[in-house]
Amino acid sequence: MMNLKKGFLAACCVLAIGFLHAQNTKPGLYHEPFRPQVHFSPPEKWMNDPNGMVYNKGVYHLFYQFYPDATVWGPMHWGHAESKDLIHWQQKPIALYPDSLGYIFSGSAVLDVHNTSGFGKNGQAPLIAIFTHHDPKGEKAGKADFQNESIAYSLDDGKTWTKYSGNPVLKNPGIKDFRDPKVMWFEASKKWIMTLATKDRVTFFSSLNLKDWKKESEFGAQLGAHGGVWECPDLFPLSLNGKIYWVLLVSINPGGPNQGSATQYFVGNFNGNSFIPKNTATKWIDYGPDNYAGVTWSNTGKRKIFLGWMSNWLYATQVPTVKWRSAMTIPRELSLQEVNGDILLASKPAKEFDALRLSPKVVKNAQVDGSLNLTNKFGQLPKQFELKLSIKEVKDFSINLSNTVGEQLIIGFDKARNSYYIDRRKAGESSFNKDFAAIHYAPKLSASKSIDLTLVVDAASVELFADNGLSVMTSIFFPKKPITNLQLQANGSLFTDLEMIPLKSIWK
């Protein structure tokens, strides 16, 4: 009977891999309307939070919340994709399926180098996934402890996973929202630290073996934004001028700066027990409406590479894509900068993104007095591109990206508000949700008297990185025709250097 079961499972695995391969090669896949060309998206069905992001043996693993049976949220699985360069992704079979303990909600993954868990064999360090088991029956019954933390391990570099027989490893003490464990190795104390979202705060736990956990402290009940439940935290160190600071990310839904979902952050110190913020003002890693639940890859050394879910719970299940729903942001490199005595988190496209850049078209010292049509200089815009502007003096300006049917996405700077903005009110389809067509703002955080701006424009998204990554915005939009025209507008005379860089598609 066991041999028959093994044979059946093996046949299922072969069929699944063949099915995924067929998905990746059949005509038209990854070229549907609105399909991102420089962002990761699943071949089909529903995706949300990035999960289990870990780097091992030259491979970046991306797991993600996945429902394989529909394009709306459902019983959560962990989907899986791999990349050797953070840019080109190969889809893998589903890693974790729901079971008797519940759905597989968000979490993280680590390389257990010292085999503290005891799961390693023959010198093979295990990969350990730490995730939330969400019991839908307990939730329906009105229980408060329907979310618990569990683990699984892999001894074949993430290809297959075995759930620990002693799950859950951290039981819920009676907190309705008790989820999204992000685990890291704290070298100074030789222990694992779990940062867990616990309703309106984060709670830190520690473990020597990833199986037995004890509570260390809580943070945030009276600090930060509290317009909604706290989710998907992350804790990691970054250095600035030779000093180590600790960064704590916390996603919140709702309560973002531009409605709905968003991710706030705190900078401070962590001693293995508690987190002490340097400044208690609310800060956001991205002011746009469409960057949520983002976390960093583990096991990347001093580099901290961030990836977010490029959507918003206000309308994520309603957007007008057909075969799939949602994509991830481009991978972003995180760093710290000091501005007026405060330590701020900056993010820019990861260096690996350079590989997609084709030959640029450059205009030096262009004068914009009223308006300047750049389509005449650059030609029709490619399907996906990067646009860089270096503006010598802070003034009102706008970048008008439009198509042949009159839709336009407007990105600009409002000097009176000292803010960048993205206006998608006329950028395409928006009837699916009353809150979608809007203008969103991000403060200019840099003290510089000039502006540098980078836009990454894909089929249905724009990512704005201003002033060396201090002000960041992500916004999706759904034009009926591709964006092809570019025009600059300014109040008074404005001088700028421009660079338009076509981008190669990451899909064959």
Protein backbone atom coordinates (compact mmCIF):
# COMPACT_ATOMS: atom_id res chain seq x y z
CA MET A 1 0.00 0.00 0.00
CA MET A 2 2.85 2.38 0.89
CA ASN A 3 4.59 1.69 -2.46
CA LEU A 4 1.34 2.43 -4.31
CA LYS A 5 0.95 5.67 -2.38
CA LYS A 6 4.54 6.69 -3.15
CA GLY A 7 4.03 5.87 -6.81
CA PHE A 8 0.85 7.89 -6.92
CA LEU A 9 2.54 10.88 -5.27
CA ALA A 10 5.49 10.66 -7.65
CA ALA A 11 3.17 10.58 -10.65
CA CYS A 12 1.31 13.60 -9.28
CA CYS A 13 4.59 15.49 -8.90
CA VAL A 14 5.58 14.71 -12.49
CA LEU A 15 2.17 15.84 -13.74
CA ALA A 16 2.36 19.03 -11.67
CA ILE A 17 5.81 19.90 -12.97
CA GLY A 18 4.70 19.18 -16.53
CA PHE A 19 1.64 21.33 -16.06
CA LEU A 20 3.73 24.24 -14.77
CA HIS A 21 6.18 23.85 -17.64
CA ALA A 22 3.28 23.92 -20.10
CA GLN A 23 1.97 27.06 -18.44
CA ASN A 24 5.31 28.78 -18.89
CA THR A 25 5.60 27.90 -22.57
CA LYS A 26 2.10 28.00 -24.06
CA PRO A 27 1.49 30.88 -26.53
CA GLY A 28 0.25 34.13 -25.07
CA LEU A 29 1.17 33.41 -21.46
CA TYR A 30 2.72 36.48 -19.79
CA HIS A 31 1.57 38.67 -22.68
CA GLU A 32 -2.09 39.17 -21.73
CA PRO A 33 -3.54 42.68 -21.26
CA PHE A 34 -2.09 44.37 -18.14
CA ARG A 35 0.48 41.57 -17.66
CA PRO A 36 3.67 42.92 -16.02
CA GLN A 37 6.83 42.43 -18.05
CA VAL A 38 9.49 43.37 -15.47
CA HIS A 39 7.69 42.19 -12.31
CA PHE A 40 7.02 38.74 -10.93
CA SER A 41 3.45 37.52 -11.25
CA PRO A 42 2.12 33.94 -11.05
CA PRO A 43 1.14 32.18 -14.29
CA GLU A 44 -2.47 32.24 -13.14
CA LYS A 45 -4.87 32.49 -10.17
CA TRP A 46 -4.60 34.48 -6.95
CA MET A 47 -1.44 35.74 -5.22
CA ASN A 48 -0.82 38.07 -2.28
CA ASP A 49 1.93 38.42 0.36
CA PRO A 50 5.53 37.40 -0.39
CA ASN A 51 6.55 34.63 2.04
CA GLY A 52 9.55 32.54 3.02
CA MET A 53 12.07 34.64 1.11
CA VAL A 54 15.49 33.04 1.58
CA TYR A 55 18.75 32.97 -0.40
CA ASN A 56 20.63 29.67 -0.56
CA LYS A 57 23.30 28.21 -2.85
CA GLY A 58 22.99 30.99 -5.39
CA VAL A 59 19.19 30.81 -5.58
CA TYR A 60 16.63 33.33 -4.35
CA HIS A 61 13.51 31.55 -3.17
CA LEU A 62 10.20 33.40 -3.31
CA PHE A 63 7.22 31.77 -1.69
CA TYR A 64 3.92 33.59 -1.71
CA GLN A 65 0.31 33.40 -0.58
CA PHE A 66 -1.44 31.51 -3.34
CA TYR A 67 -4.90 30.15 -4.09
CA PRO A 68 -4.65 27.79 -7.08
CA ASP A 69 -8.40 27.45 -7.69
CA ALA A 70 -9.55 31.02 -8.34
CA THR A 71 -8.46 34.60 -9.00
CA VAL A 72 -9.82 35.74 -5.63
CA TRP A 73 -8.56 34.98 -2.14
CA GLY A 74 -9.27 31.45 -0.87
CA PRO A 75 -7.66 28.69 1.21
CA MET A 76 -4.05 29.77 1.31
CA HIS A 77 -1.11 27.72 0.02
CA TRP A 78 2.54 28.67 -0.38
CA GLY A 79 3.33 29.11 -4.07
CA HIS A 80 7.00 28.92 -5.00
CA ALA A 81 9.32 30.47 -7.55
CA GLU A 82 13.12 30.58 -7.85
CA SER A 83 15.60 33.01 -9.37
CA LYS A 84 19.36 33.19 -9.72
CA ASP A 85 19.37 36.92 -10.43
CA LEU A 86 16.29 38.36 -8.63
CA ILE A 87 14.85 39.25 -12.03
CA HIS A 88 14.06 36.12 -14.03
CA TRP A 89 11.83 33.63 -12.22
CA GLN A 90 11.15 29.94 -12.69
CA GLN A 91 7.85 28.70 -11.37
CA LYS A 92 7.99 25.66 -9.04
CA PRO A 93 5.31 23.31 -7.70
CA ILE A 94 3.28 24.45 -4.69
CA ALA A 95 5.44 24.15 -1.58
CA LEU A 96 2.93 23.98 1.29
CA TYR A 97 -0.71 22.88 1.19
CA PRO A 98 -3.47 23.43 3.76
CA ASP A 99 -3.87 20.57 6.23
CA SER A 100 -5.81 19.54 9.34
CA LEU A 101 -4.33 22.49 11.28
CA GLY A 102 -5.56 25.01 8.73
CA TYR A 103 -4.57 27.21 5.82
CA ILE A 104 -0.92 28.16 5.29
CA PHE A 105 -0.72 31.89 6.05
CA SER A 106 2.30 34.19 5.78
CA GLY A 107 5.70 33.52 7.29
CA SER A 108 9.42 33.32 6.61
CA ALA A 109 12.23 30.89 5.90
CA VAL A 110 15.79 30.57 7.20
CA LEU A 111 18.86 28.47 6.55
CA ASP A 112 19.61 26.62 9.80
CA VAL A 113 23.39 26.72 9.33
CA HIS A 114 24.18 25.23 12.75
CA ASN A 115 21.39 22.63 12.56
CA THR A 116 19.88 23.94 15.78
CA SER A 117 16.60 22.28 14.81
CA GLY A 118 18.17 18.84 14.43
CA PHE A 119 16.45 18.36 11.07
CA GLY A 120 19.72 18.38 9.11
CA LYS A 121 21.25 15.14 7.91
CA ASN A 122 24.67 14.14 6.59
CA GLY A 123 26.01 17.67 6.96
CA GLN A 124 23.08 19.16 5.01
CA ALA A 125 21.87 22.38 6.64
CA PRO A 126 18.07 22.39 6.49
CA LEU A 127 15.89 25.18 5.19
CA ILE A 128 13.20 25.90 7.76
CA ALA A 129 9.88 27.53 6.88
CA ILE A 130 8.07 29.24 9.76
CA PHE A 131 4.43 30.05 9.00
CA THR A 132 1.00 30.67 10.48
CA HIS A 133 -1.52 27.87 10.54
CA HIS A 134 -4.95 29.53 10.19
CA ASP A 135 -7.82 27.30 11.29
CA PRO A 136 -10.97 28.41 9.40
CA LYS A 137 -13.22 26.19 11.55
CA GLY A 138 -11.94 27.80 14.74
CA GLU A 139 -12.41 31.24 13.20
CA LYS A 140 -15.98 30.41 12.18
CA ALA A 141 -16.72 29.11 15.67
CA GLY A 142 -15.67 32.44 17.13
CA LYS A 143 -12.57 31.20 18.88
CA ALA A 144 -9.70 33.61 19.58
CA ASP A 145 -6.86 31.10 19.15
CA PHE A 146 -7.39 30.00 15.55
CA GLN A 147 -3.94 31.17 14.39
CA ASN A 148 -0.79 29.37 15.54
CA GLU A 149 2.82 29.20 14.35
CA SER A 150 4.22 26.05 12.73
CA ILE A 151 7.37 24.95 10.92
CA ALA A 152 8.39 22.74 8.01
CA TYR A 153 11.84 21.71 6.80
CA SER A 154 13.50 20.94 3.49
CA LEU A 155 16.67 18.90 2.89
CA ASP A 156 16.66 19.26 -0.91
CA ASP A 157 17.10 23.02 -1.29
CA GLY A 158 13.41 23.84 -1.09
CA LYS A 159 12.11 21.32 -3.63
CA THR A 160 10.05 19.39 -1.06
CA TRP A 161 8.96 20.20 2.48
CA THR A 162 8.12 18.10 5.53
CA LYS A 163 5.89 19.61 8.17
CA TYR A 164 7.09 19.09 11.73
CA SER A 165 5.09 16.44 13.57
CA GLY A 166 5.03 18.60 16.71
CA ASN A 167 3.22 21.55 15.09
CA PRO A 168 2.24 24.10 16.16
CA VAL A 169 5.50 25.18 17.78
CA LEU A 170 4.04 28.42 19.16
CA LYS A 171 0.47 28.23 20.42
CA ASN A 172 -1.85 31.19 20.46
CA PRO A 173 -2.52 32.53 23.99
CA GLY A 174 -5.87 33.96 22.89
CA ILE A 175 -5.05 36.79 20.46
CA LYS A 176 -7.34 36.90 17.42
CA ASP A 177 -4.63 38.19 15.05
CA PHE A 178 -1.51 36.15 15.86
CA ARG A 179 0.43 35.68 12.67
CA ASP A 180 3.11 36.28 10.03
CA PRO A 181 6.28 35.11 11.85
CA LYS A 182 9.53 36.64 10.53
CA VAL A 183 12.49 34.76 11.98
CA MET A 184 16.17 35.79 12.04
CA TRP A 185 19.35 34.57 13.73
CA PHE A 186 20.57 36.96 16.46
CA GLU A 187 24.29 36.25 16.53
CA ALA A 188 25.12 38.16 19.74
CA SER A 189 22.94 35.82 21.83
CA LYS A 190 23.20 32.77 19.56
CA LYS A 191 19.43 32.44 19.30
CA TRP A 192 16.57 32.79 16.87
CA ILE A 193 14.28 35.81 17.12
CA MET A 194 10.71 35.69 15.86
CA THR A 195 8.95 38.97 15.14
CA LEU A 196 5.23 38.25 15.20
CA ALA A 197 2.22 40.42 14.39
CA THR A 198 -0.13 40.32 17.37
CA LYS A 199 -3.20 42.44 16.59
CA ASP A 200 -2.15 46.04 17.34
CA ARG A 201 1.55 45.46 18.11
CA VAL A 202 4.44 43.11 17.45
CA THR A 203 5.66 40.53 19.93
CA PHE A 204 9.22 39.20 19.99
CA PHE A 205 9.91 35.56 20.82
CA SER A 206 13.22 33.68 21.06
CA SER A 207 14.28 30.08 20.52
CA LEU A 208 17.44 27.99 20.55
CA ASN A 209 16.06 25.30 18.23
CA LEU A 210 13.14 26.80 16.21
CA LYS A 211 10.76 24.44 18.07
CA ASP A 212 10.52 25.86 21.58
CA TRP A 213 9.74 29.56 21.87
CA LYS A 214 9.57 32.00 24.75
CA LYS A 215 8.17 35.52 24.80
CA GLU A 216 10.73 38.33 25.05
CA SER A 217 8.79 41.60 24.76
CA GLU A 218 6.13 43.62 22.94
CA PHE A 219 6.38 46.78 20.89
CA GLY A 220 4.08 49.35 19.36
CA ALA A 221 0.77 49.30 21.22
CA GLN A 222 0.93 53.09 21.61
CA LEU A 223 3.29 53.92 18.72
CA GLY A 224 2.97 54.23 14.96
CA ALA A 225 -0.13 54.08 12.79
CA HIS A 226 -3.10 52.14 14.14
CA GLY A 227 -5.82 52.56 11.54
CA GLY A 228 -6.02 48.79 11.14
CA VAL A 229 -4.54 45.48 12.20
CA TRP A 230 -0.73 45.08 12.21
CA GLU A 231 0.64 42.43 9.84
CA CYS A 232 3.76 41.03 8.15
CA PRO A 233 6.56 42.46 10.35
CA ASP A 234 10.28 42.26 9.64
CA LEU A 235 13.31 43.06 11.81
CA PHE A 236 16.85 43.48 10.48
CA PRO A 237 20.05 45.50 11.00
CA LEU A 238 21.47 48.13 8.64
CA SER A 239 24.62 50.19 9.08
CA LEU A 240 25.12 53.92 8.58
CA ASN A 241 28.45 55.68 9.07
CA GLY A 242 29.87 52.66 10.86
CA LYS A 243 26.97 52.33 13.32
CA ILE A 244 24.40 49.54 13.38
CA TYR A 245 20.72 50.43 13.56
CA TRP A 246 17.76 48.07 13.63
CA VAL A 247 14.80 48.51 11.28
CA LEU A 248 11.34 47.19 12.10
CA LEU A 249 8.81 46.98 9.26
CA VAL A 250 5.10 46.64 10.05
CA SER A 251 2.34 46.46 7.47
CA ILE A 252 -1.07 47.85 8.38
CA ASN A 253 -4.49 47.36 6.83
CA PRO A 254 -6.28 49.73 6.61
CA GLY A 255 -4.64 52.96 7.74
CA GLY A 256 -2.06 53.73 5.04
CA PRO A 257 -1.13 57.31 4.12
CA ASN A 258 -3.11 57.12 0.88
CA GLN A 259 -6.00 54.85 1.99
CA GLY A 260 -6.02 51.13 2.56
CA SER A 261 -2.92 48.99 2.95
CA ALA A 262 0.64 50.24 3.52
CA THR A 263 3.89 49.47 5.35
CA GLN A 264 5.32 51.61 8.13
CA TYR A 265 8.78 51.37 9.65
CA PHE A 266 10.71 52.24 12.79
CA VAL A 267 14.46 52.72 13.22
CA GLY A 268 16.07 51.99 16.57
CA ASN A 269 18.02 49.45 18.58
CA PHE A 270 17.39 45.78 19.35
CA ASN A 271 19.29 43.93 22.09
CA GLY A 272 17.90 40.43 21.65
CA ASN A 273 15.05 41.16 24.02
CA SER A 274 13.37 44.45 23.12
CA PHE A 275 13.21 47.07 20.38
CA ILE A 276 13.73 50.73 21.32
CA PRO A 277 12.85 53.25 18.57
CA LYS A 278 15.10 56.23 17.90
CA ASN A 279 12.15 58.32 16.74
CA THR A 280 8.46 57.60 17.28
CA ALA A 281 7.08 59.55 14.31
CA THR A 282 5.16 57.42 11.82
CA LYS A 283 7.20 56.70 8.68
CA TRP A 284 6.30 54.78 5.52
CA ILE A 285 8.57 52.70 3.32
CA ASP A 286 6.34 53.54 0.32
CA TYR A 287 3.68 56.26 0.15
CA GLY A 288 1.91 54.87 -2.90
CA PRO A 289 -1.27 52.80 -2.60
CA ASP A 290 0.19 49.57 -3.99
CA ASN A 291 3.05 48.21 -1.91
CA TYR A 292 1.98 45.96 0.94
CA ALA A 293 3.21 43.11 3.15
CA GLY A 294 6.78 43.59 1.94
CA VAL A 295 9.69 41.88 3.72
CA THR A 296 13.36 41.15 3.05
CA TRP A 297 15.24 38.06 1.93
CA SER A 298 17.10 36.20 4.66
CA ASN A 299 20.68 34.89 4.36
CA THR A 300 21.87 37.75 2.11
CA GLY A 301 24.60 39.05 4.44
CA LYS A 302 24.73 42.81 4.85
CA ARG A 303 22.49 43.38 1.83
CA LYS A 304 18.81 43.84 2.63
CA ILE A 305 16.64 43.21 -0.42
CA PHE A 306 12.96 44.03 -0.11
CA LEU A 307 9.95 42.82 -2.10
CA GLY A 308 6.32 43.87 -1.67
CA TRP A 309 2.92 42.78 -2.93
CA MET A 310 1.90 45.31 -5.57
CA SER A 311 -1.75 45.78 -4.64
CA ASN A 312 -4.10 47.07 -1.96
CA TRP A 313 -6.83 45.25 -0.04
CA LEU A 314 -9.23 48.06 -0.99
CA TYR A 315 -9.57 46.56 -4.48
CA ALA A 316 -7.16 43.62 -4.83
CA THR A 317 -9.92 41.11 -5.61
CA GLN A 318 -11.59 43.45 -8.12
CA VAL A 319 -8.83 44.59 -10.48
CA PRO A 320 -9.58 43.83 -14.16
CA THR A 321 -7.05 41.10 -14.85
CA VAL A 322 -8.51 37.82 -16.05
CA LYS A 323 -6.21 34.82 -15.60
CA TRP A 324 -4.21 36.04 -12.63
CA ARG A 325 -4.43 38.63 -9.90
CA SER A 326 -1.54 40.81 -8.74
CA ALA A 327 2.23 41.06 -9.04
CA MET A 328 5.19 41.86 -6.82
CA THR A 329 7.18 45.10 -6.81
CA ILE A 330 10.63 45.02 -8.33
CA PRO A 331 13.26 43.91 -5.77
CA ARG A 332 14.59 46.90 -3.86
CA GLU A 333 17.83 47.50 -2.02
CA LEU A 334 17.32 49.09 1.40
CA SER A 335 19.70 51.56 3.04
CA LEU A 336 19.72 54.23 5.73
CA GLN A 337 20.24 57.95 5.26
CA GLU A 338 20.49 60.77 7.78
CA VAL A 339 18.30 63.81 7.08
CA ASN A 340 18.20 66.73 9.51
CA GLY A 341 19.35 64.51 12.36
CA ASP A 342 16.81 61.76 11.70
CA ILE A 343 17.59 58.31 10.33
CA LEU A 344 15.40 57.41 7.35
CA LEU A 345 14.99 54.22 5.32
CA ALA A 346 15.62 54.55 1.59
CA SER A 347 14.92 52.06 -1.18
CA LYS A 348 16.06 51.82 -4.78
CA PRO A 349 15.88 49.19 -7.51
CA ALA A 350 18.27 46.36 -6.70
CA LYS A 351 21.47 46.43 -8.76
CA GLU A 352 20.40 43.24 -10.54
CA PHE A 353 17.70 45.27 -12.28
CA ASP A 354 20.46 46.86 -14.41
CA ALA A 355 20.52 43.70 -16.54
CA LEU A 356 17.16 44.61 -18.08
CA ARG A 357 18.28 48.00 -19.34
CA LEU A 358 18.75 48.52 -23.08
CA SER A 359 20.43 51.46 -24.82
CA PRO A 360 19.20 54.73 -23.30
CA LYS A 361 17.95 57.81 -25.10
CA VAL A 362 19.33 60.95 -23.47
CA VAL A 363 18.40 64.62 -23.52
CA LYS A 364 20.76 66.99 -21.71
CA ASN A 365 19.77 70.32 -20.18
CA ALA A 366 16.28 70.35 -21.70
CA GLN A 367 14.35 73.55 -21.08
CA VAL A 368 10.69 73.16 -20.19
CA ASP A 369 8.78 76.43 -20.40
CA GLY A 370 5.13 75.50 -20.22
CA SER A 371 5.31 72.13 -21.95
CA LEU A 372 7.77 69.94 -23.83
CA ASN A 373 6.69 67.02 -26.02
CA LEU A 374 9.36 64.36 -25.58
CA THR A 375 7.71 61.83 -27.86
CA ASN A 376 9.28 63.83 -30.70
CA LYS A 377 12.73 63.25 -29.18
CA PHE A 378 12.38 59.71 -27.82
CA GLY A 379 9.89 58.33 -30.31
CA GLN A 380 7.00 56.14 -29.25
CA LEU A 381 7.62 54.81 -25.76
CA PRO A 382 8.43 51.10 -25.40
CA LYS A 383 6.07 48.77 -23.53
CA GLN A 384 8.20 48.94 -20.40
CA PHE A 385 10.86 51.50 -19.60
CA GLU A 386 12.73 53.47 -16.99
CA LEU A 387 12.65 57.26 -16.98
CA LYS A 388 15.27 59.30 -15.11
CA LEU A 389 15.10 63.04 -14.50
CA SER A 390 17.65 65.27 -12.84
CA ILE A 391 16.04 68.64 -12.09
CA LYS A 392 18.34 71.43 -11.04
CA GLU A 393 15.83 73.48 -9.02
CA VAL A 394 12.77 72.46 -7.04
CA LYS A 395 9.72 73.66 -8.98
CA ASP A 396 6.23 72.52 -9.86
CA PHE A 397 6.37 70.06 -12.74
CA SER A 398 4.46 67.12 -14.14
CA ILE A 399 5.21 64.15 -16.38
CA ASN A 400 2.28 63.20 -18.58
CA LEU A 401 2.30 59.60 -19.80
CA SER A 402 -0.55 59.04 -22.24
CA ASN A 403 -1.88 56.68 -24.90
CA THR A 404 -3.76 56.90 -28.19
CA VAL A 405 -7.20 56.85 -26.54
CA GLY A 406 -6.52 59.87 -24.33
CA GLU A 407 -5.84 58.11 -21.05
CA GLN A 408 -3.07 59.69 -19.02
CA LEU A 409 -1.02 58.93 -15.95
CA ILE A 410 0.42 62.09 -14.40
CA ILE A 411 3.43 62.08 -12.08
CA GLY A 412 4.79 65.29 -10.66
CA PHE A 413 5.89 67.56 -7.85
CA ASP A 414 3.73 70.07 -5.97
CA LYS A 415 6.03 72.70 -4.45
CA ALA A 416 3.34 74.20 -2.20
CA ARG A 417 2.81 70.77 -0.60
CA ASN A 418 6.51 69.85 -0.91
CA SER A 419 5.24 66.53 -2.24
CA TYR A 420 5.54 64.18 -5.17
CA TYR A 421 2.31 62.79 -6.57
CA ILE A 422 0.87 60.14 -8.87
CA ASP A 423 -2.48 60.95 -10.45
CA ARG A 424 -4.25 57.92 -11.94
CA ARG A 425 -7.72 59.45 -12.12
CA LYS A 426 -7.72 59.33 -15.93
CA ALA A 427 -5.20 56.53 -16.41
CA GLY A 428 -7.59 53.80 -17.53
CA GLU A 429 -10.17 51.41 -16.18
CA SER A 430 -11.32 52.26 -12.66
CA SER A 431 -15.03 51.40 -12.54
CA PHE A 432 -14.30 48.25 -10.52
CA ASN A 433 -13.82 50.29 -7.32
CA LYS A 434 -14.94 53.77 -6.27
CA ASP A 435 -11.68 54.55 -4.44
CA PHE A 436 -9.28 53.52 -7.20
CA ALA A 437 -9.28 56.66 -9.36
CA ALA A 438 -7.36 59.06 -7.13
CA ILE A 439 -4.30 61.24 -6.74
CA HIS A 440 -1.73 60.12 -4.15
CA TYR A 441 1.04 62.15 -2.48
CA ALA A 442 4.44 61.46 -0.93
CA PRO A 443 6.41 64.13 0.98
CA LYS A 444 9.80 65.22 -0.30
CA LEU A 445 11.98 64.05 2.59
CA SER A 446 15.33 65.16 1.20
CA ALA A 447 16.69 68.58 2.16
CA SER A 448 18.27 68.93 -1.29
CA LYS A 449 17.42 71.96 -3.44
CA SER A 450 17.35 69.74 -6.53
CA ILE A 451 15.35 66.67 -7.52
CA ASP A 452 16.39 63.34 -8.91
CA LEU A 453 13.58 61.09 -10.00
CA THR A 454 13.45 57.55 -11.36
CA LEU A 455 10.27 55.98 -12.71
CA VAL A 456 9.91 52.31 -13.58
CA VAL A 457 6.89 51.99 -15.88
CA ASP A 458 5.44 48.59 -16.74
CA ALA A 459 2.26 47.55 -18.54
CA ALA A 460 0.04 48.42 -15.57
CA SER A 461 2.24 49.94 -12.88
CA VAL A 462 4.61 52.76 -12.05
CA GLU A 463 7.23 52.86 -9.28
CA LEU A 464 8.65 56.23 -8.29
CA PHE A 465 12.02 56.60 -6.54
CA ALA A 466 12.93 60.20 -5.69
CA ASP A 467 15.97 61.81 -4.08
CA ASN A 468 18.16 58.74 -3.82
CA GLY A 469 15.24 56.57 -2.74
CA LEU A 470 14.02 58.65 0.21
CA SER A 471 10.55 59.26 -1.26
CA VAL A 472 9.00 56.19 -2.87
CA MET A 473 5.59 55.53 -4.41
CA THR A 474 4.08 52.49 -6.13
CA SER A 475 0.85 52.65 -8.11
CA ILE A 476 -0.97 50.26 -10.42
CA PHE A 477 -3.26 51.42 -13.23
CA PHE A 478 -5.11 49.76 -16.10
CA PRO A 479 -4.90 51.59 -19.46
CA LYS A 480 -6.99 50.30 -22.35
CA LYS A 481 -4.05 50.89 -24.71
CA PRO A 482 -0.29 50.91 -24.00
CA ILE A 483 1.35 54.13 -22.82
CA THR A 484 3.19 55.59 -25.83
CA ASN A 485 3.56 59.36 -25.35
CA LEU A 486 5.59 61.50 -22.95
CA GLN A 487 5.19 65.18 -22.21
CA LEU A 488 6.73 67.40 -19.53
CA GLN A 489 4.99 70.44 -18.11
CA ALA A 490 6.25 73.14 -15.73
CA ASN A 491 5.22 76.45 -14.27
CA GLY A 492 7.96 78.78 -15.46
CA SER A 493 11.26 77.72 -16.92
CA LEU A 494 12.62 74.37 -15.74
CA PHE A 495 15.91 72.73 -16.75
CA THR A 496 16.38 68.99 -16.60
CA ASP A 497 18.49 66.13 -17.86
CA LEU A 498 16.42 63.16 -19.05
CA GLU A 499 17.14 59.55 -19.77
CA MET A 500 14.63 57.07 -21.18
CA ILE A 501 15.79 53.46 -20.93
CA PRO A 502 13.83 50.65 -22.60
CA LEU A 503 13.63 47.50 -20.49
CA LYS A 504 13.74 43.90 -21.66
CA SER A 505 10.86 41.66 -20.67
CA ILE A 506 11.74 39.06 -18.05
CA TRP A 507 9.45 36.54 -19.79
CA LYS A 508 10.29 34.65 -22.95
